[in-house]
Amino acid sequence: MWAEGLPGYVRIQVLHQLAVAGVQAMDVVALICGQDLRIYRVERDDVEISRLIDAEREFWHCVEIDQAPLDQGGMVAL
């Protein structure tokens, strides 16, 4: 997963942490296969953070109304 750089799911988590912490950047440190040390700096991107917060808000609304969220194609995600 790390062959092409920072995986998307990690970037999303870091963007959420940047939003919550209110900081401008975070470093992600990964040790791949116990030998390959990689450090990725993630800079704050307020546009991406805004989209993420909107998606989180939509997801939480689905939790509150006990309804499965829709996937990107408009189908119920299982």
PDB file of N, CA and C in Angstrom:
ATOM      1  N   MET A   1       0.807  -1.207   0.000  1.00  0.00           N
ATOM      2  CA  MET A   1       0.000   0.000   0.000  1.00  0.00           C
ATOM      3  C   MET A   1       0.850   1.272   0.000  1.00  0.00           C
ATOM      4  N   TRP A   2       2.046   1.183   0.486  1.00  0.00           N
ATOM      5  CA  TRP A   2       2.877   2.370   0.635  1.00  0.00           C
ATOM      6  C   TRP A   2       3.819   2.574  -0.552  1.00  0.00           C
ATOM      7  N   ALA A   3       3.752   1.702  -1.566  1.00  0.00           N
ATOM      8  CA  ALA A   3       4.687   1.775  -2.692  1.00  0.00           C
ATOM      9  C   ALA A   3       4.579   3.102  -3.442  1.00  0.00           C
ATOM     10  N   GLU A   4       3.378   3.658  -3.499  1.00  0.00           N
ATOM     11  CA  GLU A   4       3.165   4.905  -4.236  1.00  0.00           C
ATOM     12  C   GLU A   4       3.064   6.115  -3.320  1.00  0.00           C
ATOM     13  N   GLY A   5       3.537   5.978  -2.097  1.00  0.00           N
ATOM     14  CA  GLY A   5       3.488   7.090  -1.166  1.00  0.00           C
ATOM     15  C   GLY A   5       2.465   6.861  -0.075  1.00  0.00           C
ATOM     16  N   LEU A   6       2.059   7.927   0.544  1.00  0.00           N
ATOM     17  CA  LEU A   6       1.115   7.879   1.661  1.00  0.00           C
ATOM     18  C   LEU A   6      -0.246   7.378   1.176  1.00  0.00           C
ATOM     19  N   PRO A   7      -0.766   6.287   1.754  1.00  0.00           N
ATOM     20  CA  PRO A   7      -2.083   5.795   1.336  1.00  0.00           C
ATOM     21  C   PRO A   7      -3.186   6.806   1.644  1.00  0.00           C
ATOM     22  N   GLY A   8      -4.227   6.797   0.825  1.00  0.00           N
ATOM     23  CA  GLY A   8      -5.327   7.744   0.973  1.00  0.00           C
ATOM     24  C   GLY A   8      -6.007   7.679   2.325  1.00  0.00           C
ATOM     25  N   TYR A   9      -6.193   6.455   2.845  1.00  0.00           N
ATOM     26  CA  TYR A   9      -6.882   6.342   4.130  1.00  0.00           C
ATOM     27  C   TYR A   9      -6.075   6.971   5.259  1.00  0.00           C
ATOM     28  N   VAL A  10      -4.762   6.982   5.130  1.00  0.00           N
ATOM     29  CA  VAL A  10      -3.912   7.625   6.140  1.00  0.00           C
ATOM     30  C   VAL A  10      -4.009   9.139   5.987  1.00  0.00           C
ATOM     31  N   ARG A  11      -3.987   9.613   4.755  1.00  0.00           N
ATOM     32  CA  ARG A  11      -4.105  11.054   4.516  1.00  0.00           C
ATOM     33  C   ARG A  11      -5.422  11.595   5.081  1.00  0.00           C
ATOM     34  N   ILE A  12      -6.515  10.854   4.888  1.00  0.00           N
ATOM     35  CA  ILE A  12      -7.808  11.287   5.413  1.00  0.00           C
ATOM     36  C   ILE A  12      -7.757  11.391   6.934  1.00  0.00           C
ATOM     37  N   GLN A  13      -7.158  10.399   7.572  1.00  0.00           N
ATOM     38  CA  GLN A  13      -7.056  10.421   9.036  1.00  0.00           C
ATOM     39  C   GLN A  13      -6.236  11.628   9.499  1.00  0.00           C
ATOM     40  N   VAL A  14      -5.131  11.898   8.808  1.00  0.00           N
ATOM     41  CA  VAL A  14      -4.284  13.023   9.197  1.00  0.00           C
ATOM     42  C   VAL A  14      -5.007  14.347   8.956  1.00  0.00           C
ATOM     43  N   LEU A  15      -5.754  14.461   7.856  1.00  0.00           N
ATOM     44  CA  LEU A  15      -6.520  15.686   7.618  1.00  0.00           C
ATOM     45  C   LEU A  15      -7.523  15.917   8.736  1.00  0.00           C
ATOM     46  N   HIS A  16      -8.173  14.850   9.191  1.00  0.00           N
ATOM     47  CA  HIS A  16      -9.104  14.982  10.314  1.00  0.00           C
ATOM     48  C   HIS A  16      -8.362  15.477  11.553  1.00  0.00           C
ATOM     49  N   GLN A  17      -7.205  14.907  11.824  1.00  0.00           N
ATOM     50  CA  GLN A  17      -6.416  15.318  12.988  1.00  0.00           C
ATOM     51  C   GLN A  17      -5.960  16.772  12.854  1.00  0.00           C
ATOM     52  N   LEU A  18      -5.593  17.194  11.650  1.00  0.00           N
ATOM     53  CA  LEU A  18      -5.215  18.591  11.427  1.00  0.00           C
ATOM     54  C   LEU A  18      -6.392  19.519  11.731  1.00  0.00           C
ATOM     55  N   ALA A  19      -7.586  19.111  11.316  1.00  0.00           N
ATOM     56  CA  ALA A  19      -8.781  19.918  11.573  1.00  0.00           C
ATOM     57  C   ALA A  19      -9.044  20.031  13.062  1.00  0.00           C
ATOM     58  N   VAL A  20      -8.972  18.921  13.768  1.00  0.00           N
ATOM     59  CA  VAL A  20      -9.269  18.903  15.203  1.00  0.00           C
ATOM     60  C   VAL A  20      -8.203  19.663  15.995  1.00  0.00           C
ATOM     61  N   ALA A  21      -6.950  19.437  15.649  1.00  0.00           N
ATOM     62  CA  ALA A  21      -5.848  20.036  16.405  1.00  0.00           C
ATOM     63  C   ALA A  21      -5.613  21.499  16.032  1.00  0.00           C
ATOM     64  N   GLY A  22      -6.069  21.886  14.839  1.00  0.00           N
ATOM     65  CA  GLY A  22      -5.876  23.262  14.408  1.00  0.00           C
ATOM     66  C   GLY A  22      -4.441  23.595  14.045  1.00  0.00           C
ATOM     67  N   VAL A  23      -3.667  22.596  13.679  1.00  0.00           N
ATOM     68  CA  VAL A  23      -2.267  22.837  13.316  1.00  0.00           C
ATOM     69  C   VAL A  23      -2.117  22.872  11.799  1.00  0.00           C
ATOM     70  N   GLN A  24      -0.957  23.307  11.335  1.00  0.00           N
ATOM     71  CA  GLN A  24      -0.724  23.500   9.902  1.00  0.00           C
ATOM     72  C   GLN A  24      -0.150  22.281   9.191  1.00  0.00           C
ATOM     73  N   ALA A  25       0.495  21.388   9.921  1.00  0.00           N
ATOM     74  CA  ALA A  25       1.110  20.220   9.274  1.00  0.00           C
ATOM     75  C   ALA A  25       1.369  19.140  10.317  1.00  0.00           C
ATOM     76  N   MET A  26       1.444  17.910   9.831  1.00  0.00           N
ATOM     77  CA  MET A  26       1.818  16.767  10.669  1.00  0.00           C
ATOM     78  C   MET A  26       2.723  15.860   9.852  1.00  0.00           C
ATOM     79  N   ASP A  27       3.586  15.155  10.546  1.00  0.00           N
ATOM     80  CA  ASP A  27       4.441  14.163   9.908  1.00  0.00           C
ATOM     81  C   ASP A  27       3.913  12.775  10.219  1.00  0.00           C
ATOM     82  N   VAL A  28       3.889  11.935   9.194  1.00  0.00           N
ATOM     83  CA  VAL A  28       3.524  10.530   9.351  1.00  0.00           C
ATOM     84  C   VAL A  28       4.811   9.737   9.176  1.00  0.00           C
ATOM     85  N   VAL A  29       5.121   8.915  10.158  1.00  0.00           N
ATOM     86  CA  VAL A  29       6.328   8.102  10.106  1.00  0.00           C
ATOM     87  C   VAL A  29       5.909   6.647   9.994  1.00  0.00           C
ATOM     88  N   ALA A  30       6.443   5.967   8.988  1.00  0.00           N
ATOM     89  CA  ALA A  30       6.099   4.561   8.764  1.00  0.00           C
ATOM     90  C   ALA A  30       7.373   3.738   8.649  1.00  0.00           C
ATOM     91  N   LEU A  31       7.349   2.578   9.263  1.00  0.00           N
ATOM     92  CA  LEU A  31       8.446   1.630   9.133  1.00  0.00           C
ATOM     93  C   LEU A  31       7.912   0.455   8.332  1.00  0.00           C
ATOM     94  N   ILE A  32       8.312   0.375   7.077  1.00  0.00           N
ATOM     95  CA  ILE A  32       7.811  -0.634   6.154  1.00  0.00           C
ATOM     96  C   ILE A  32       8.687  -1.888   6.246  1.00  0.00           C
ATOM     97  N   CYS A  33       8.043  -3.012   6.512  1.00  0.00           N
ATOM     98  CA  CYS A  33       8.734  -4.309   6.617  1.00  0.00           C
ATOM     99  C   CYS A  33       9.864  -4.283   7.643  1.00  0.00           C
ATOM    100  N   GLY A  34       9.747  -3.424   8.629  1.00  0.00           N
ATOM    101  CA  GLY A  34      10.734  -3.376   9.702  1.00  0.00           C
ATOM    102  C   GLY A  34      12.076  -2.790   9.318  1.00  0.00           C
ATOM    103  N   GLN A  35      12.220  -2.292   8.069  1.00  0.00           N
ATOM    104  CA  GLN A  35      13.534  -1.811   7.636  1.00  0.00           C
ATOM    105  C   GLN A  35      13.502  -0.505   6.862  1.00  0.00           C
ATOM    106  N   ASP A  36      12.393  -0.207   6.212  1.00  0.00           N
ATOM    107  CA  ASP A  36      12.310   0.946   5.328  1.00  0.00           C
ATOM    108  C   ASP A  36      11.574   2.084   6.043  1.00  0.00           C
ATOM    109  N   LEU A  37      12.327   3.028   6.587  1.00  0.00           N
ATOM    110  CA  LEU A  37      11.754   4.160   7.314  1.00  0.00           C
ATOM    111  C   LEU A  37      11.350   5.248   6.323  1.00  0.00           C
ATOM    112  N   ARG A  38      10.081   5.655   6.401  1.00  0.00           N
ATOM    113  CA  ARG A  38       9.591   6.713   5.524  1.00  0.00           C
ATOM    114  C   ARG A  38       8.892   7.774   6.370  1.00  0.00           C
ATOM    115  N   ILE A  39       9.097   9.019   5.985  1.00  0.00           N
ATOM    116  CA  ILE A  39       8.469  10.141   6.671  1.00  0.00           C
ATOM    117  C   ILE A  39       7.730  10.969   5.625  1.00  0.00           C
ATOM    118  N   TYR A  40       6.439  11.181   5.877  1.00  0.00           N
ATOM    119  CA  TYR A  40       5.598  11.956   4.973  1.00  0.00           C
ATOM    120  C   TYR A  40       5.048  13.156   5.730  1.00  0.00           C
ATOM    121  N   ARG A  41       5.212  14.335   5.167  1.00  0.00           N
ATOM    122  CA  ARG A  41       4.658  15.545   5.767  1.00  0.00           C
ATOM    123  C   ARG A  41       3.334  15.842   5.073  1.00  0.00           C
ATOM    124  N   VAL A  42       2.295  16.043   5.863  1.00  0.00           N
ATOM    125  CA  VAL A  42       0.975  16.384   5.333  1.00  0.00           C
ATOM    126  C   VAL A  42       0.665  17.815   5.758  1.00  0.00           C
ATOM    127  N   GLU A  43       0.526  18.681   4.771  1.00  0.00           N
ATOM    128  CA  GLU A  43       0.210  20.090   5.015  1.00  0.00           C
ATOM    129  C   GLU A  43      -1.307  20.256   5.098  1.00  0.00           C
ATOM    130  N   ARG A  44      -1.733  21.187   5.885  1.00  0.00           N
ATOM    131  CA  ARG A  44      -3.154  21.506   6.024  1.00  0.00           C
ATOM    132  C   ARG A  44      -3.710  21.980   4.682  1.00  0.00           C
ATOM    133  N   ASP A  45      -4.859  21.454   4.301  1.00  0.00           N
ATOM    134  CA  ASP A  45      -5.562  21.853   3.084  1.00  0.00           C
ATOM    135  C   ASP A  45      -7.007  22.104   3.485  1.00  0.00           C
ATOM    136  N   ASP A  46      -7.354  23.368   3.681  1.00  0.00           N
ATOM    137  CA  ASP A  46      -8.674  23.713   4.221  1.00  0.00           C
ATOM    138  C   ASP A  46      -9.822  23.307   3.297  1.00  0.00           C
ATOM    139  N   VAL A  47      -9.591  23.281   1.993  1.00  0.00           N
ATOM    140  CA  VAL A  47     -10.642  22.835   1.066  1.00  0.00           C
ATOM    141  C   VAL A  47     -10.911  21.345   1.275  1.00  0.00           C
ATOM    142  N   GLU A  48      -9.853  20.554   1.330  1.00  0.00           N
ATOM    143  CA  GLU A  48     -10.013  19.114   1.570  1.00  0.00           C
ATOM    144  C   GLU A  48     -10.628  18.841   2.946  1.00  0.00           C
ATOM    145  N   ILE A  49     -10.195  19.597   3.945  1.00  0.00           N
ATOM    146  CA  ILE A  49     -10.740  19.437   5.293  1.00  0.00           C
ATOM    147  C   ILE A  49     -12.225  19.768   5.307  1.00  0.00           C
ATOM    148  N   SER A  50     -12.629  20.799   4.594  1.00  0.00           N
ATOM    149  CA  SER A  50     -14.040  21.160   4.524  1.00  0.00           C
ATOM    150  C   SER A  50     -14.865  20.038   3.895  1.00  0.00           C
ATOM    151  N   ARG A  51     -14.349  19.443   2.817  1.00  0.00           N
ATOM    152  CA  ARG A  51     -15.042  18.309   2.179  1.00  0.00           C
ATOM    153  C   ARG A  51     -15.134  17.122   3.129  1.00  0.00           C
ATOM    154  N   LEU A  52     -14.062  16.867   3.850  1.00  0.00           N
ATOM    155  CA  LEU A  52     -14.032  15.757   4.803  1.00  0.00           C
ATOM    156  C   LEU A  52     -15.064  15.974   5.906  1.00  0.00           C
ATOM    157  N   ILE A  53     -15.122  17.175   6.443  1.00  0.00           N
ATOM    158  CA  ILE A  53     -16.089  17.469   7.513  1.00  0.00           C
ATOM    159  C   ILE A  53     -17.514  17.316   6.997  1.00  0.00           C
ATOM    160  N   ASP A  54     -17.768  17.746   5.764  1.00  0.00           N
ATOM    161  CA  ASP A  54     -19.099  17.559   5.174  1.00  0.00           C
ATOM    162  C   ASP A  54     -19.444  16.074   5.069  1.00  0.00           C
ATOM    163  N   ALA A  55     -18.493  15.262   4.622  1.00  0.00           N
ATOM    164  CA  ALA A  55     -18.724  13.814   4.504  1.00  0.00           C
ATOM    165  C   ALA A  55     -18.934  13.181   5.875  1.00  0.00           C
ATOM    166  N   GLU A  56     -18.170  13.624   6.867  1.00  0.00           N
ATOM    167  CA  GLU A  56     -18.339  13.100   8.226  1.00  0.00           C
ATOM    168  C   GLU A  56     -19.713  13.484   8.786  1.00  0.00           C
ATOM    169  N   ARG A  57     -20.121  14.708   8.526  1.00  0.00           N
ATOM    170  CA  ARG A  57     -21.432  15.173   8.987  1.00  0.00           C
ATOM    171  C   ARG A  57     -22.550  14.339   8.340  1.00  0.00           C
ATOM    172  N   GLU A  58     -22.435  14.074   7.051  1.00  0.00           N
ATOM    173  CA  GLU A  58     -23.425  13.257   6.340  1.00  0.00           C
ATOM    174  C   GLU A  58     -23.448  11.828   6.895  1.00  0.00           C
ATOM    175  N   PHE A  59     -22.263  11.265   7.137  1.00  0.00           N
ATOM    176  CA  PHE A  59     -22.185   9.919   7.703  1.00  0.00           C
ATOM    177  C   PHE A  59     -22.851   9.885   9.082  1.00  0.00           C
ATOM    178  N   TRP A  60     -22.556  10.880   9.915  1.00  0.00           N
ATOM    179  CA  TRP A  60     -23.117  10.875  11.270  1.00  0.00           C
ATOM    180  C   TRP A  60     -24.634  11.025  11.237  1.00  0.00           C
ATOM    181  N   HIS A  61     -25.130  11.784  10.291  1.00  0.00           N
ATOM    182  CA  HIS A  61     -26.583  11.904  10.136  1.00  0.00           C
ATOM    183  C   HIS A  61     -27.189  10.526   9.838  1.00  0.00           C
ATOM    184  N   CYS A  62     -26.530   9.739   9.000  1.00  0.00           N
ATOM    185  CA  CYS A  62     -27.005   8.375   8.714  1.00  0.00           C
ATOM    186  C   CYS A  62     -27.012   7.527   9.984  1.00  0.00           C
ATOM    187  N   VAL A  63     -26.014   7.704  10.832  1.00  0.00           N
ATOM    188  CA  VAL A  63     -25.981   6.970  12.105  1.00  0.00           C
ATOM    189  C   VAL A  63     -27.177   7.376  12.957  1.00  0.00           C
ATOM    190  N   GLU A  64     -27.429   8.672  13.038  1.00  0.00           N
ATOM    191  CA  GLU A  64     -28.522   9.169  13.875  1.00  0.00           C
ATOM    192  C   GLU A  64     -29.898   8.676  13.430  1.00  0.00           C
ATOM    193  N   ILE A  65     -30.080   8.540  12.125  1.00  0.00           N
ATOM    194  CA  ILE A  65     -31.383   8.091  11.631  1.00  0.00           C
ATOM    195  C   ILE A  65     -31.402   6.590  11.348  1.00  0.00           C
ATOM    196  N   ASP A  66     -30.325   5.904  11.709  1.00  0.00           N
ATOM    197  CA  ASP A  66     -30.212   4.447  11.546  1.00  0.00           C
ATOM    198  C   ASP A  66     -30.450   4.016  10.098  1.00  0.00           C
ATOM    199  N   GLN A  67     -29.717   4.678   9.205  1.00  0.00           N
ATOM    200  CA  GLN A  67     -29.816   4.378   7.769  1.00  0.00           C
ATOM    201  C   GLN A  67     -28.409   4.177   7.212  1.00  0.00           C
ATOM    202  N   ALA A  68     -28.244   3.146   6.410  1.00  0.00           N
ATOM    203  CA  ALA A  68     -26.936   2.902   5.793  1.00  0.00           C
ATOM    204  C   ALA A  68     -26.601   4.056   4.857  1.00  0.00           C
ATOM    205  N   PRO A  69     -25.349   4.511   4.863  1.00  0.00           N
ATOM    206  CA  PRO A  69     -24.958   5.607   3.962  1.00  0.00           C
ATOM    207  C   PRO A  69     -24.959   5.139   2.514  1.00  0.00           C
ATOM    208  N   LEU A  70     -25.131   6.085   1.589  1.00  0.00           N
ATOM    209  CA  LEU A  70     -25.064   5.780   0.162  1.00  0.00           C
ATOM    210  C   LEU A  70     -23.609   5.815  -0.287  1.00  0.00           C
ATOM    211  N   ASP A  71     -23.262   4.956  -1.238  1.00  0.00           N
ATOM    212  CA  ASP A  71     -21.917   5.018  -1.804  1.00  0.00           C
ATOM    213  C   ASP A  71     -21.902   6.129  -2.866  1.00  0.00           C
ATOM    214  N   GLN A  72     -20.789   6.311  -3.547  1.00  0.00           N
ATOM    215  CA  GLN A  72     -20.652   7.396  -4.511  1.00  0.00           C
ATOM    216  C   GLN A  72     -21.609   7.277  -5.695  1.00  0.00           C
ATOM    217  N   GLY A  73     -22.043   6.048  -6.007  1.00  0.00           N
ATOM    218  CA  GLY A  73     -22.940   5.840  -7.130  1.00  0.00           C
ATOM    219  C   GLY A  73     -24.410   5.949  -6.763  1.00  0.00           C
ATOM    220  N   GLY A  74     -24.717   6.308  -5.530  1.00  0.00           N
ATOM    221  CA  GLY A  74     -26.087   6.458  -5.099  1.00  0.00           C
ATOM    222  C   GLY A  74     -26.708   5.181  -4.554  1.00  0.00           C
ATOM    223  N   MET A  75     -25.934   4.122  -4.455  1.00  0.00           N
ATOM    224  CA  MET A  75     -26.426   2.858  -3.930  1.00  0.00           C
ATOM    225  C   MET A  75     -26.128   2.775  -2.432  1.00  0.00           C
ATOM    226  N   VAL A  76     -26.906   1.983  -1.723  1.00  0.00           N
ATOM    227  CA  VAL A  76     -26.670   1.789  -0.287  1.00  0.00           C
ATOM    228  C   VAL A  76     -25.381   1.007  -0.112  1.00  0.00           C
ATOM    229  N   ALA A  77     -24.470   1.534   0.687  1.00  0.00           N
ATOM    230  CA  ALA A  77     -23.196   0.853   0.966  1.00  0.00           C
ATOM    231  C   ALA A  77     -23.415  -0.141   2.084  1.00  0.00           C
ATOM    232  N   LEU A  78     -23.010  -1.375   1.851  1.00  0.00           N
ATOM    233  CA  LEU A  78     -23.178  -2.417   2.883  1.00  0.00           C
ATOM    234  C   LEU A  78     -21.863  -2.768   3.503  1.00  0.00           C
TER     235      LEU A  78
END
